[in-house]
Every structure is written in structure tokens, then in C-alpha cells.
Amino acid sequence: MFSNLGGFQDVLKLRQISKPEHGVKIFCSSQIPWRKAAISKRPPDIYGVGLNYASHALELGRDPPVKPLIFSKSSSSFCTLPYIVLPDPTVEPKVDYEAELGVVIGATCRNVSEKDSLNFVLGYVVVNDVSGRYSQFEAAVGGQWSRAKSYDTFRCVVRDS
């Protein structure tokens, strides 16, 4: 639905076609107080793997990476639906989304073998991974992956309760 957003005008169009029964409210960051969109508990660490599908890398006009491209996201990027808060379009004009499967690690661990890795998984969560493509890929800003993925509320998760 967000694919190929060129700026705030597209967000306004999206708001016009969004149906209230879907339960998703879309706002620009200047339209809603931060506390209303935030949740009380945030994970301390959020990591992602970039361009983890060859087809997605090619879709973005990039070669698939030889090794995993790991990036971090700030805890302020974490929120739960129904709020998706977009940054000011003069700061980030190219907003995009990806549906992702998140893995929740439920215990402290380090250097875990592949054989034992699932023993540390608490569960899984559906994630709306929002990206600022301008910050992520444009030479003018130096390709800032963490910045592009860490705007407030850019990691929305779906809760079932």
C-alpha cells in the first residue's frame, strides 16, 4: 500500500482511501503527540537483516549482498498498531514499507549454535518494517541504514490482545 510513495501528497491520498474498518490510522508526525503512538514497553535491542531476499535487492536496483547486511533500529522506532506515524516529508520524502516476520528472543544468549538456537526463541511477531528510502540509499545523506529504519514508530508490530 505504501509502495512508491513519493511524498506527503501520496500519504494524504492513502488516508483518503484507507477504510476505518481496517483499524489502521495514518498520521504525519506533526499531527499526533508522540506519547499517544508509543507503547509502554519497548525492546532494548532491535536488529534487522537488509536485502535478505535476492528478489528484493534486485527490485531496489541493488545486487544481493554477499554477506548478511545487519543493521540496528532505535527502540523509539517500536510501536503497535493502530498508529503509523510518518516523519515530516521535508525530512524523509521517500517512505516505503515491508511486511516482515520478527523473531522474539526470550533469554540472554551469545554465540549460540544453530542446533540450539530455537531454544532461545520466545515467539514470532508480524512486523510492518517502514523505511525511509531517501535516508537509506541517497548519496546526499551517505546511505544511513540505521537512520532510515529508526524514525519514531517505523517498526510497527501486530499484537493479538
N, C-alpha and C. Protein backbone atom coordinates (compact mmCIF):
# COMPACT_ATOMS: atom_id res chain seq x y z
N MET A 1 0.82 -1.20 0.00
CA MET A 1 0.00 0.00 0.00
C MET A 1 0.86 1.25 0.00
N PHE A 2 2.01 1.24 0.73
CA PHE A 2 2.89 2.40 0.76
C PHE A 2 3.86 2.43 -0.41
N SER A 3 3.95 1.34 -1.16
CA SER A 3 4.98 1.23 -2.17
C SER A 3 5.00 2.42 -3.11
N ASN A 4 6.19 2.89 -3.42
CA ASN A 4 6.40 4.01 -4.33
C ASN A 4 5.85 5.33 -3.83
N LEU A 5 5.77 5.52 -2.53
CA LEU A 5 5.33 6.81 -2.02
C LEU A 5 6.34 7.87 -2.41
N GLY A 6 5.87 8.92 -3.03
CA GLY A 6 6.76 9.98 -3.45
C GLY A 6 6.80 11.14 -2.49
N GLY A 7 5.98 11.18 -1.50
CA GLY A 7 5.95 12.30 -0.57
C GLY A 7 4.64 12.37 0.16
N PHE A 8 4.44 13.48 0.85
CA PHE A 8 3.28 13.62 1.72
C PHE A 8 1.96 13.62 0.95
N GLN A 9 1.95 14.12 -0.29
CA GLN A 9 0.71 14.10 -1.07
C GLN A 9 0.19 12.68 -1.24
N ASP A 10 1.11 11.73 -1.44
CA ASP A 10 0.69 10.34 -1.56
C ASP A 10 0.13 9.80 -0.25
N VAL A 11 0.69 10.25 0.87
CA VAL A 11 0.16 9.85 2.17
C VAL A 11 -1.26 10.37 2.34
N LEU A 12 -1.50 11.61 1.92
CA LEU A 12 -2.86 12.15 2.01
C LEU A 12 -3.82 11.33 1.16
N LYS A 13 -3.40 10.94 -0.03
CA LYS A 13 -4.25 10.09 -0.87
C LYS A 13 -4.52 8.75 -0.18
N LEU A 14 -3.48 8.19 0.42
CA LEU A 14 -3.63 6.93 1.13
C LEU A 14 -4.62 7.05 2.27
N ARG A 15 -4.57 8.15 2.99
CA ARG A 15 -5.53 8.37 4.08
C ARG A 15 -6.95 8.43 3.54
N GLN A 16 -7.12 9.01 2.35
CA GLN A 16 -8.46 9.13 1.78
C GLN A 16 -9.03 7.77 1.39
N ILE A 17 -8.17 6.84 0.95
CA ILE A 17 -8.69 5.54 0.52
C ILE A 17 -8.68 4.50 1.63
N SER A 18 -8.00 4.78 2.75
CA SER A 18 -7.99 3.85 3.88
C SER A 18 -9.39 3.75 4.48
N LYS A 19 -9.77 2.55 4.85
CA LYS A 19 -11.09 2.35 5.42
C LYS A 19 -10.97 2.18 6.92
N PRO A 20 -11.82 2.87 7.69
CA PRO A 20 -11.75 2.79 9.16
C PRO A 20 -11.88 1.36 9.69
N GLU A 21 -12.61 0.51 8.98
CA GLU A 21 -12.80 -0.84 9.50
C GLU A 21 -11.51 -1.66 9.50
N HIS A 22 -10.48 -1.19 8.77
CA HIS A 22 -9.19 -1.87 8.81
C HIS A 22 -8.46 -1.60 10.12
N GLY A 23 -8.87 -0.57 10.85
CA GLY A 23 -8.30 -0.28 12.15
C GLY A 23 -6.93 0.36 12.13
N VAL A 24 -6.47 0.84 10.98
CA VAL A 24 -5.16 1.47 10.89
C VAL A 24 -5.33 2.96 10.67
N LYS A 25 -4.66 3.75 11.50
CA LYS A 25 -4.72 5.19 11.37
C LYS A 25 -3.34 5.68 10.95
N ILE A 26 -3.28 6.51 9.91
CA ILE A 26 -2.02 7.01 9.40
C ILE A 26 -1.92 8.49 9.66
N PHE A 27 -0.80 8.91 10.23
CA PHE A 27 -0.61 10.31 10.58
C PHE A 27 0.77 10.76 10.14
N CYS A 28 0.94 12.05 9.95
CA CYS A 28 2.26 12.65 9.82
C CYS A 28 2.71 12.98 11.24
N SER A 29 4.00 12.97 11.50
CA SER A 29 4.49 13.15 12.87
C SER A 29 4.06 14.46 13.49
N SER A 30 3.76 15.46 12.69
CA SER A 30 3.33 16.74 13.26
C SER A 30 1.86 16.72 13.69
N GLN A 31 1.13 15.64 13.38
CA GLN A 31 -0.30 15.59 13.66
C GLN A 31 -0.66 14.87 14.95
N ILE A 32 0.28 14.21 15.59
CA ILE A 32 -0.07 13.39 16.74
C ILE A 32 1.03 13.48 17.79
N PRO A 33 0.66 13.60 19.05
CA PRO A 33 1.69 13.61 20.10
C PRO A 33 2.39 12.25 20.16
N TRP A 34 3.69 12.27 20.41
CA TRP A 34 4.46 11.03 20.44
C TRP A 34 3.90 10.04 21.44
N ARG A 35 3.53 10.49 22.62
CA ARG A 35 3.08 9.56 23.66
C ARG A 35 1.85 8.77 23.25
N LYS A 36 1.00 9.35 22.42
CA LYS A 36 -0.21 8.64 22.01
C LYS A 36 0.14 7.43 21.13
N ALA A 37 1.20 7.55 20.35
CA ALA A 37 1.57 6.46 19.45
C ALA A 37 2.46 5.43 20.12
N ALA A 38 3.15 5.82 21.16
CA ALA A 38 4.13 4.93 21.79
C ALA A 38 3.44 3.90 22.67
N ILE A 39 4.13 2.81 22.92
CA ILE A 39 3.63 1.83 23.88
C ILE A 39 4.54 1.89 25.10
N SER A 40 4.10 1.31 26.19
CA SER A 40 4.84 1.47 27.44
C SER A 40 6.10 0.63 27.52
N LYS A 41 6.14 -0.52 26.86
CA LYS A 41 7.32 -1.37 26.92
C LYS A 41 7.94 -1.48 25.53
N ARG A 42 9.24 -1.25 25.47
CA ARG A 42 9.95 -1.34 24.21
C ARG A 42 11.09 -2.34 24.36
N PRO A 43 11.36 -3.09 23.30
CA PRO A 43 12.50 -4.00 23.38
C PRO A 43 13.80 -3.19 23.43
N PRO A 44 14.80 -3.67 24.19
CA PRO A 44 16.05 -2.91 24.29
C PRO A 44 16.86 -2.93 23.00
N ASP A 45 16.80 -4.00 22.24
CA ASP A 45 17.59 -4.13 21.02
C ASP A 45 16.69 -4.61 19.88
N ILE A 46 16.83 -3.96 18.75
CA ILE A 46 16.11 -4.38 17.55
C ILE A 46 17.13 -4.45 16.43
N TYR A 47 17.25 -5.61 15.81
CA TYR A 47 18.19 -5.80 14.70
C TYR A 47 17.42 -6.25 13.47
N GLY A 48 17.95 -5.93 12.32
CA GLY A 48 17.36 -6.35 11.07
C GLY A 48 18.43 -6.88 10.13
N VAL A 49 17.97 -7.61 9.13
CA VAL A 49 18.86 -8.11 8.08
C VAL A 49 18.39 -7.47 6.79
N GLY A 50 19.24 -6.65 6.20
CA GLY A 50 18.87 -5.92 4.99
C GLY A 50 19.07 -6.73 3.73
N LEU A 51 18.20 -6.48 2.77
CA LEU A 51 18.28 -7.12 1.45
C LEU A 51 18.42 -8.63 1.57
N ASN A 52 17.62 -9.23 2.45
CA ASN A 52 17.75 -10.65 2.73
C ASN A 52 17.07 -11.55 1.70
N TYR A 53 16.43 -10.97 0.70
CA TYR A 53 15.88 -11.73 -0.43
C TYR A 53 16.50 -11.17 -1.70
N ALA A 54 17.04 -12.03 -2.54
CA ALA A 54 17.66 -11.57 -3.78
C ALA A 54 16.68 -10.77 -4.62
N SER A 55 15.42 -11.22 -4.68
CA SER A 55 14.42 -10.51 -5.49
C SER A 55 14.17 -9.10 -4.97
N HIS A 56 14.23 -8.91 -3.65
CA HIS A 56 14.02 -7.57 -3.08
C HIS A 56 15.20 -6.66 -3.41
N ALA A 57 16.41 -7.19 -3.33
CA ALA A 57 17.59 -6.40 -3.69
C ALA A 57 17.50 -5.95 -5.15
N LEU A 58 17.14 -6.86 -6.03
CA LEU A 58 17.01 -6.52 -7.45
C LEU A 58 15.90 -5.51 -7.68
N GLU A 59 14.79 -5.64 -6.94
CA GLU A 59 13.68 -4.69 -7.03
C GLU A 59 14.13 -3.27 -6.70
N LEU A 60 15.09 -3.15 -5.78
CA LEU A 60 15.62 -1.85 -5.38
C LEU A 60 16.80 -1.41 -6.25
N GLY A 61 17.12 -2.20 -7.28
CA GLY A 61 18.21 -1.85 -8.17
C GLY A 61 19.59 -2.10 -7.58
N ARG A 62 19.68 -3.03 -6.66
CA ARG A 62 20.95 -3.32 -5.99
C ARG A 62 21.30 -4.80 -6.15
N ASP A 63 22.56 -5.11 -6.06
CA ASP A 63 22.99 -6.51 -6.07
C ASP A 63 22.73 -7.12 -4.70
N PRO A 64 22.34 -8.39 -4.66
CA PRO A 64 22.19 -9.04 -3.35
C PRO A 64 23.54 -9.04 -2.63
N PRO A 65 23.55 -8.80 -1.32
CA PRO A 65 24.82 -8.77 -0.59
C PRO A 65 25.44 -10.17 -0.51
N VAL A 66 26.77 -10.21 -0.47
CA VAL A 66 27.50 -11.47 -0.35
C VAL A 66 27.35 -12.02 1.07
N LYS A 67 27.39 -11.12 2.06
CA LYS A 67 27.22 -11.50 3.47
C LYS A 67 26.00 -10.77 4.01
N PRO A 68 25.39 -11.27 5.09
CA PRO A 68 24.21 -10.60 5.65
C PRO A 68 24.51 -9.13 5.99
N LEU A 69 23.59 -8.26 5.65
CA LEU A 69 23.70 -6.84 5.95
C LEU A 69 22.89 -6.58 7.22
N ILE A 70 23.56 -6.49 8.35
CA ILE A 70 22.91 -6.33 9.65
C ILE A 70 22.85 -4.86 10.01
N PHE A 71 21.70 -4.42 10.50
CA PHE A 71 21.55 -3.03 10.95
C PHE A 71 20.75 -3.03 12.25
N SER A 72 20.86 -1.94 12.99
CA SER A 72 20.08 -1.81 14.23
C SER A 72 19.01 -0.75 14.05
N LYS A 73 17.99 -0.85 14.88
CA LYS A 73 16.90 0.13 14.89
C LYS A 73 16.78 0.66 16.31
N SER A 74 16.51 1.95 16.43
CA SER A 74 16.35 2.51 17.77
C SER A 74 15.07 2.00 18.41
N SER A 75 15.05 1.95 19.73
CA SER A 75 13.84 1.48 20.42
C SER A 75 12.67 2.43 20.20
N SER A 76 12.92 3.70 19.86
CA SER A 76 11.81 4.63 19.59
C SER A 76 11.12 4.32 18.28
N SER A 77 11.70 3.44 17.45
CA SER A 77 11.03 3.05 16.21
C SER A 77 9.92 2.05 16.47
N PHE A 78 9.88 1.47 17.66
CA PHE A 78 8.93 0.42 18.01
C PHE A 78 7.58 1.00 18.42
N CYS A 79 6.51 0.49 17.85
CA CYS A 79 5.15 0.86 18.26
C CYS A 79 4.22 -0.29 17.90
N THR A 80 2.98 -0.19 18.32
CA THR A 80 1.98 -1.17 17.93
C THR A 80 0.87 -0.48 17.16
N LEU A 81 0.23 -1.25 16.28
CA LEU A 81 -0.92 -0.71 15.56
C LEU A 81 -2.00 -0.37 16.56
N PRO A 82 -2.89 0.57 16.32
CA PRO A 82 -3.28 1.09 15.03
C PRO A 82 -2.56 2.36 14.57
N TYR A 83 -1.45 2.75 15.17
CA TYR A 83 -0.82 4.01 14.78
C TYR A 83 0.43 3.79 13.95
N ILE A 84 0.48 4.45 12.81
CA ILE A 84 1.67 4.52 11.99
C ILE A 84 1.96 6.01 11.84
N VAL A 85 3.03 6.47 12.43
CA VAL A 85 3.36 7.88 12.40
C VAL A 85 4.50 8.10 11.42
N LEU A 86 4.25 8.87 10.39
CA LEU A 86 5.26 9.13 9.37
C LEU A 86 6.03 10.39 9.69
N PRO A 87 7.33 10.46 9.31
CA PRO A 87 8.10 11.67 9.56
C PRO A 87 7.66 12.80 8.64
N ASP A 88 8.05 13.99 8.98
CA ASP A 88 7.79 15.15 8.15
C ASP A 88 8.36 14.87 6.75
N PRO A 89 7.58 15.05 5.68
CA PRO A 89 8.06 14.73 4.34
C PRO A 89 9.22 15.59 3.87
N THR A 90 9.47 16.72 4.52
CA THR A 90 10.65 17.51 4.15
C THR A 90 11.93 16.89 4.71
N VAL A 91 11.79 16.03 5.72
CA VAL A 91 12.93 15.32 6.31
C VAL A 91 13.14 13.98 5.60
N GLU A 92 12.06 13.25 5.36
CA GLU A 92 12.14 11.94 4.71
C GLU A 92 11.04 11.84 3.66
N PRO A 93 11.35 12.17 2.40
CA PRO A 93 10.32 12.21 1.36
C PRO A 93 9.96 10.86 0.74
N LYS A 94 10.74 9.82 0.98
CA LYS A 94 10.50 8.53 0.32
C LYS A 94 10.25 7.44 1.37
N VAL A 95 9.01 7.30 1.78
CA VAL A 95 8.65 6.31 2.80
C VAL A 95 8.13 5.05 2.10
N ASP A 96 8.58 3.90 2.57
CA ASP A 96 8.18 2.62 1.99
C ASP A 96 7.96 1.64 3.14
N TYR A 97 7.36 0.51 2.86
CA TYR A 97 7.12 -0.48 3.91
C TYR A 97 7.47 -1.87 3.41
N GLU A 98 7.66 -2.77 4.35
CA GLU A 98 7.85 -4.19 4.06
C GLU A 98 7.20 -4.98 5.18
N ALA A 99 6.44 -6.00 4.82
CA ALA A 99 5.90 -6.91 5.83
C ALA A 99 7.01 -7.90 6.18
N GLU A 100 7.26 -8.06 7.46
CA GLU A 100 8.35 -8.92 7.91
C GLU A 100 7.87 -9.85 9.02
N LEU A 101 8.59 -10.92 9.20
CA LEU A 101 8.38 -11.81 10.33
C LEU A 101 9.47 -11.50 11.35
N GLY A 102 9.07 -11.08 12.55
CA GLY A 102 10.03 -10.79 13.60
C GLY A 102 10.20 -11.98 14.52
N VAL A 103 11.41 -12.17 14.99
CA VAL A 103 11.72 -13.25 15.93
C VAL A 103 12.01 -12.61 17.28
N VAL A 104 11.31 -13.05 18.32
CA VAL A 104 11.50 -12.52 19.66
C VAL A 104 12.40 -13.47 20.44
N ILE A 105 13.56 -12.96 20.84
CA ILE A 105 14.50 -13.76 21.63
C ILE A 105 14.11 -13.59 23.09
N GLY A 106 13.88 -14.70 23.78
CA GLY A 106 13.33 -14.63 25.13
C GLY A 106 14.30 -14.84 26.27
N ALA A 107 15.58 -15.01 25.97
CA ALA A 107 16.57 -15.22 27.03
C ALA A 107 17.91 -14.64 26.58
N THR A 108 18.70 -14.24 27.56
CA THR A 108 20.03 -13.73 27.25
C THR A 108 20.86 -14.86 26.65
N CYS A 109 21.54 -14.57 25.55
CA CYS A 109 22.36 -15.60 24.91
C CYS A 109 23.48 -14.94 24.11
N ARG A 110 24.48 -15.73 23.81
CA ARG A 110 25.61 -15.26 23.00
C ARG A 110 26.29 -16.48 22.40
N ASN A 111 26.73 -16.36 21.15
CA ASN A 111 27.47 -17.44 20.47
C ASN A 111 26.72 -18.77 20.53
N VAL A 112 25.44 -18.72 20.23
CA VAL A 112 24.59 -19.91 20.28
C VAL A 112 24.76 -20.70 18.98
N SER A 113 24.87 -22.00 19.09
CA SER A 113 24.98 -22.84 17.90
C SER A 113 23.65 -22.87 17.15
N GLU A 114 23.72 -23.15 15.88
CA GLU A 114 22.49 -23.26 15.09
C GLU A 114 21.58 -24.34 15.68
N LYS A 115 22.17 -25.43 16.13
CA LYS A 115 21.41 -26.55 16.71
C LYS A 115 20.60 -26.11 17.93
N ASP A 116 21.16 -25.21 18.76
CA ASP A 116 20.49 -24.78 19.99
C ASP A 116 19.71 -23.47 19.84
N SER A 117 19.76 -22.86 18.69
CA SER A 117 19.21 -21.50 18.54
C SER A 117 17.71 -21.40 18.84
N LEU A 118 16.92 -22.38 18.45
CA LEU A 118 15.48 -22.28 18.68
C LEU A 118 15.10 -22.37 20.16
N ASN A 119 16.02 -22.84 21.00
CA ASN A 119 15.76 -22.88 22.44
C ASN A 119 15.65 -21.48 23.04
N PHE A 120 16.13 -20.46 22.34
CA PHE A 120 16.11 -19.09 22.84
C PHE A 120 15.01 -18.25 22.22
N VAL A 121 14.24 -18.82 21.30
CA VAL A 121 13.16 -18.08 20.64
C VAL A 121 11.91 -18.14 21.51
N LEU A 122 11.45 -16.96 21.92
CA LEU A 122 10.22 -16.86 22.72
C LEU A 122 8.99 -16.94 21.82
N GLY A 123 9.07 -16.34 20.64
CA GLY A 123 7.94 -16.35 19.73
C GLY A 123 8.23 -15.53 18.48
N TYR A 124 7.17 -15.32 17.72
CA TYR A 124 7.26 -14.61 16.45
C TYR A 124 6.21 -13.52 16.41
N VAL A 125 6.46 -12.50 15.60
CA VAL A 125 5.53 -11.38 15.52
C VAL A 125 5.52 -10.84 14.09
N VAL A 126 4.35 -10.40 13.64
CA VAL A 126 4.24 -9.75 12.33
C VAL A 126 4.68 -8.30 12.50
N VAL A 127 5.55 -7.84 11.60
CA VAL A 127 6.14 -6.51 11.71
C VAL A 127 5.90 -5.72 10.43
N ASN A 128 5.49 -4.47 10.58
CA ASN A 128 5.44 -3.53 9.46
C ASN A 128 6.75 -2.74 9.52
N ASP A 129 7.72 -3.14 8.72
CA ASP A 129 9.04 -2.53 8.74
C ASP A 129 9.05 -1.35 7.78
N VAL A 130 8.89 -0.15 8.31
CA VAL A 130 8.84 1.06 7.49
C VAL A 130 10.27 1.56 7.28
N SER A 131 10.55 2.04 6.07
CA SER A 131 11.89 2.52 5.73
C SER A 131 11.82 3.90 5.10
N GLY A 132 12.80 4.71 5.42
CA GLY A 132 12.99 5.99 4.73
C GLY A 132 14.00 5.77 3.62
N ARG A 133 13.52 5.57 2.40
CA ARG A 133 14.42 5.21 1.30
C ARG A 133 15.40 6.33 0.94
N TYR A 134 15.02 7.58 1.13
CA TYR A 134 15.95 8.68 0.87
C TYR A 134 17.15 8.56 1.81
N SER A 135 16.89 8.41 3.10
CA SER A 135 17.99 8.28 4.08
C SER A 135 18.80 7.01 3.85
N GLN A 136 18.14 5.98 3.38
CA GLN A 136 18.79 4.68 3.24
C GLN A 136 19.74 4.61 2.04
N PHE A 137 19.36 5.23 0.91
CA PHE A 137 20.12 5.00 -0.32
C PHE A 137 20.72 6.23 -0.98
N GLU A 138 20.23 7.43 -0.69
CA GLU A 138 20.71 8.61 -1.40
C GLU A 138 22.12 8.99 -0.98
N ALA A 139 22.96 9.27 -1.96
CA ALA A 139 24.35 9.65 -1.70
C ALA A 139 24.44 10.94 -0.88
N ALA A 140 23.45 11.81 -1.01
CA ALA A 140 23.47 13.09 -0.29
C ALA A 140 23.51 12.91 1.22
N VAL A 141 22.98 11.80 1.71
CA VAL A 141 22.98 11.55 3.15
C VAL A 141 23.89 10.38 3.53
N GLY A 142 24.56 9.81 2.55
CA GLY A 142 25.57 8.80 2.84
C GLY A 142 25.06 7.40 3.10
N GLY A 143 23.83 7.09 2.75
CA GLY A 143 23.32 5.74 2.95
C GLY A 143 23.24 5.33 4.40
N GLN A 144 22.41 5.99 5.15
CA GLN A 144 22.28 5.79 6.59
C GLN A 144 21.19 4.76 6.91
N TRP A 145 21.54 3.49 6.94
CA TRP A 145 20.54 2.44 7.18
C TRP A 145 19.87 2.58 8.54
N SER A 146 20.65 2.78 9.59
CA SER A 146 20.04 2.88 10.92
C SER A 146 19.12 4.09 11.01
N ARG A 147 19.52 5.21 10.43
CA ARG A 147 18.64 6.38 10.42
C ARG A 147 17.36 6.08 9.63
N ALA A 148 17.50 5.48 8.47
CA ALA A 148 16.36 5.20 7.60
C ALA A 148 15.35 4.26 8.24
N LYS A 149 15.81 3.41 9.13
CA LYS A 149 14.95 2.42 9.76
C LYS A 149 14.52 2.80 11.17
N SER A 150 15.02 3.93 11.70
CA SER A 150 14.82 4.25 13.12
C SER A 150 13.96 5.46 13.40
N TYR A 151 13.30 6.02 12.40
CA TYR A 151 12.38 7.12 12.71
C TYR A 151 11.34 6.60 13.71
N ASP A 152 10.85 7.49 14.54
CA ASP A 152 9.85 7.09 15.53
C ASP A 152 8.71 6.33 14.86
N THR A 153 8.37 5.20 15.42
CA THR A 153 7.26 4.32 15.01
C THR A 153 7.49 3.58 13.70
N PHE A 154 8.72 3.50 13.20
CA PHE A 154 8.97 2.80 11.94
C PHE A 154 9.04 1.28 12.10
N ARG A 155 8.80 0.74 13.28
CA ARG A 155 8.76 -0.70 13.47
C ARG A 155 7.46 -1.04 14.18
N CYS A 156 6.37 -1.10 13.41
CA CYS A 156 5.06 -1.40 13.99
C CYS A 156 4.87 -2.91 14.06
N VAL A 157 4.38 -3.37 15.19
CA VAL A 157 4.10 -4.79 15.35
C VAL A 157 2.61 -4.99 15.58
N VAL A 158 2.14 -6.17 15.26
CA VAL A 158 0.73 -6.52 15.43
C VAL A 158 0.60 -7.35 16.68
N ARG A 159 -0.21 -6.87 17.63
CA ARG A 159 -0.46 -7.63 18.86
C ARG A 159 -1.80 -8.34 18.71
N ASP A 160 -1.94 -9.48 19.36
CA ASP A 160 -3.21 -10.21 19.27
C ASP A 160 -4.06 -10.05 20.52
N SER A 161 -3.72 -9.12 21.41
CA SER A 161 -4.53 -8.95 22.61
C SER A 161 -4.82 -7.49 22.87
